[in-house]
């Protein structure tokens, strides 16, 4: 139950993102999604991903993210190394 509550931000961001994409097809001009909608969806997906990092660390105990030449490593509290 506790883990289910921790995933609420992810599901909220996902639902809002899908809603923005659907609304982008429905408003004039119909069938064309504006760049600002795509930017908003990307930002929401980014927040959804960031909200999952503590849960991933809790379950896996270790996470390593790499973007270009930057690397971030995080270990859970119970990791001795």
C-alpha atoms as a PDB file:
ATOM      1  CA  UNK A   1       0.000   0.000   0.000  1.00  0.00           C
ATOM      2  CA  UNK A   2       2.853   2.388   0.803  1.00  0.00           C
ATOM      3  CA  UNK A   3       4.499   1.794  -2.568  1.00  0.00           C
ATOM      4  CA  UNK A   4       1.160   2.401  -4.316  1.00  0.00           C
ATOM      5  CA  UNK A   5       0.949   5.852  -2.700  1.00  0.00           C
ATOM      6  CA  UNK A   6       4.467   6.659  -3.872  1.00  0.00           C
ATOM      7  CA  UNK A   7       3.493   6.087  -7.505  1.00  0.00           C
ATOM      8  CA  UNK A   8       0.658   8.641  -7.453  1.00  0.00           C
ATOM      9  CA  UNK A   9       2.811  11.488  -8.933  1.00  0.00           C
ATOM     10  CA  UNK A  10       3.821   9.211 -11.801  1.00  0.00           C
ATOM     11  CA  UNK A  11       0.222   8.326 -12.662  1.00  0.00           C
ATOM     12  CA  UNK A  12      -0.937  11.944 -12.377  1.00  0.00           C
ATOM     13  CA  UNK A  13       1.811  13.106 -14.764  1.00  0.00           C
ATOM     14  CA  UNK A  14       1.068  10.256 -17.156  1.00  0.00           C
ATOM     15  CA  UNK A  15      -2.675  10.936 -17.259  1.00  0.00           C
ATOM     16  CA  UNK A  16      -2.201  14.697 -17.714  1.00  0.00           C
ATOM     17  CA  UNK A  17       0.364  14.079 -20.469  1.00  0.00           C
ATOM     18  CA  UNK A  18      -1.972  11.759 -22.350  1.00  0.00           C
ATOM     19  CA  UNK A  19      -4.781  14.295 -21.873  1.00  0.00           C
ATOM     20  CA  UNK A  20      -2.601  17.047 -23.354  1.00  0.00           C
ATOM     21  CA  UNK A  21      -1.769  14.899 -26.358  1.00  0.00           C
ATOM     22  CA  UNK A  22      -5.434  14.065 -26.985  1.00  0.00           C
ATOM     23  CA  UNK A  23      -6.467  17.698 -26.504  1.00  0.00           C
ATOM     24  CA  UNK A  24      -3.750  18.745 -28.947  1.00  0.00           C
ATOM     25  CA  UNK A  25      -5.549  16.778 -31.667  1.00  0.00           C
ATOM     26  CA  UNK A  26      -8.995  18.160 -30.781  1.00  0.00           C
ATOM     27  CA  UNK A  27      -8.421  21.922 -30.635  1.00  0.00           C
ATOM     28  CA  UNK A  28      -7.996  24.053 -33.753  1.00  0.00           C
ATOM     29  CA  UNK A  29      -6.041  23.430 -35.923  1.00  0.00           C
ATOM     30  CA  UNK A  30      -7.377  19.896 -35.667  1.00  0.00           C
ATOM     31  CA  UNK A  31      -4.820  17.131 -35.979  1.00  0.00           C
ATOM     32  CA  UNK A  32      -1.752  19.317 -35.365  1.00  0.00           C
ATOM     33  CA  UNK A  33      -0.026  19.282 -31.996  1.00  0.00           C
ATOM     34  CA  UNK A  34       1.679  22.585 -31.153  1.00  0.00           C
ATOM     35  CA  UNK A  35       5.288  22.556 -29.986  1.00  0.00           C
ATOM     36  CA  UNK A  36       4.316  24.011 -26.608  1.00  0.00           C
ATOM     37  CA  UNK A  37       2.090  20.976 -25.934  1.00  0.00           C
ATOM     38  CA  UNK A  38       4.952  18.629 -26.768  1.00  0.00           C
ATOM     39  CA  UNK A  39       7.256  20.616 -24.478  1.00  0.00           C
ATOM     40  CA  UNK A  40       4.730  20.400 -21.634  1.00  0.00           C
ATOM     41  CA  UNK A  41       4.356  16.645 -22.155  1.00  0.00           C
ATOM     42  CA  UNK A  42       8.138  16.226 -22.088  1.00  0.00           C
ATOM     43  CA  UNK A  43       8.423  18.198 -18.853  1.00  0.00           C
ATOM     44  CA  UNK A  44       5.643  16.169 -17.234  1.00  0.00           C
ATOM     45  CA  UNK A  45       7.299  12.912 -18.287  1.00  0.00           C
ATOM     46  CA  UNK A  46      10.548  14.233 -16.795  1.00  0.00           C
ATOM     47  CA  UNK A  47       8.845  14.939 -13.467  1.00  0.00           C
ATOM     48  CA  UNK A  48       7.203  11.511 -13.562  1.00  0.00           C
ATOM     49  CA  UNK A  49      10.604   9.901 -14.048  1.00  0.00           C
ATOM     50  CA  UNK A  50      12.179  11.923 -11.238  1.00  0.00           C
ATOM     51  CA  UNK A  51       9.352  10.920  -8.906  1.00  0.00           C
ATOM     52  CA  UNK A  52      10.203   7.242  -9.501  1.00  0.00           C
ATOM     53  CA  UNK A  53      13.900   7.479  -8.595  1.00  0.00           C
ATOM     54  CA  UNK A  54      13.409   7.116  -4.787  1.00  0.00           C
ATOM     55  CA  UNK A  55      11.195   4.068  -5.376  1.00  0.00           C
ATOM     56  CA  UNK A  56      13.776   2.516  -7.701  1.00  0.00           C
ATOM     57  CA  UNK A  57      16.523   3.070  -5.133  1.00  0.00           C
ATOM     58  CA  UNK A  58      14.307   1.561  -2.420  1.00  0.00           C
ATOM     59  CA  UNK A  59      13.605  -1.561  -4.480  1.00  0.00           C
ATOM     60  CA  UNK A  60      16.938  -2.047  -6.256  1.00  0.00           C
ATOM     61  CA  UNK A  61      19.220  -0.449  -3.672  1.00  0.00           C
ATOM     62  CA  UNK A  62      21.384   1.209  -6.342  1.00  0.00           C
ATOM     63  CA  UNK A  63      20.852   3.375  -9.400  1.00  0.00           C
ATOM     64  CA  UNK A  64      23.297   4.870 -11.898  1.00  0.00           C
ATOM     65  CA  UNK A  65      22.249   7.485 -14.455  1.00  0.00           C
ATOM     66  CA  UNK A  66      24.483   8.701 -17.281  1.00  0.00           C
ATOM     67  CA  UNK A  67      23.884  11.603 -19.661  1.00  0.00           C
ATOM     68  CA  UNK A  68      26.781  12.501 -21.897  1.00  0.00           C
ATOM     69  CA  UNK A  69      29.853  12.860 -19.692  1.00  0.00           C
ATOM     70  CA  UNK A  70      27.846  13.277 -16.454  1.00  0.00           C
ATOM     71  CA  UNK A  71      27.176  10.257 -14.229  1.00  0.00           C
ATOM     72  CA  UNK A  72      25.057  10.204 -11.070  1.00  0.00           C
ATOM     73  CA  UNK A  73      25.104   7.242  -8.700  1.00  0.00           C
ATOM     74  CA  UNK A  74      22.772   6.758  -5.740  1.00  0.00           C
ATOM     75  CA  UNK A  75      22.765   4.001  -3.150  1.00  0.00           C
ATOM     76  CA  UNK A  76      20.039   3.112  -0.710  1.00  0.00           C
ATOM     77  CA  UNK A  77      20.458   3.473   3.028  1.00  0.00           C
ATOM     78  CA  UNK A  78      21.043  -0.269   3.485  1.00  0.00           C
ATOM     79  CA  UNK A  79      23.928  -0.409   0.983  1.00  0.00           C
ATOM     80  CA  UNK A  80      27.303  -0.895   2.698  1.00  0.00           C
ATOM     81  CA  UNK A  81      29.578  -0.120  -0.242  1.00  0.00           C
END
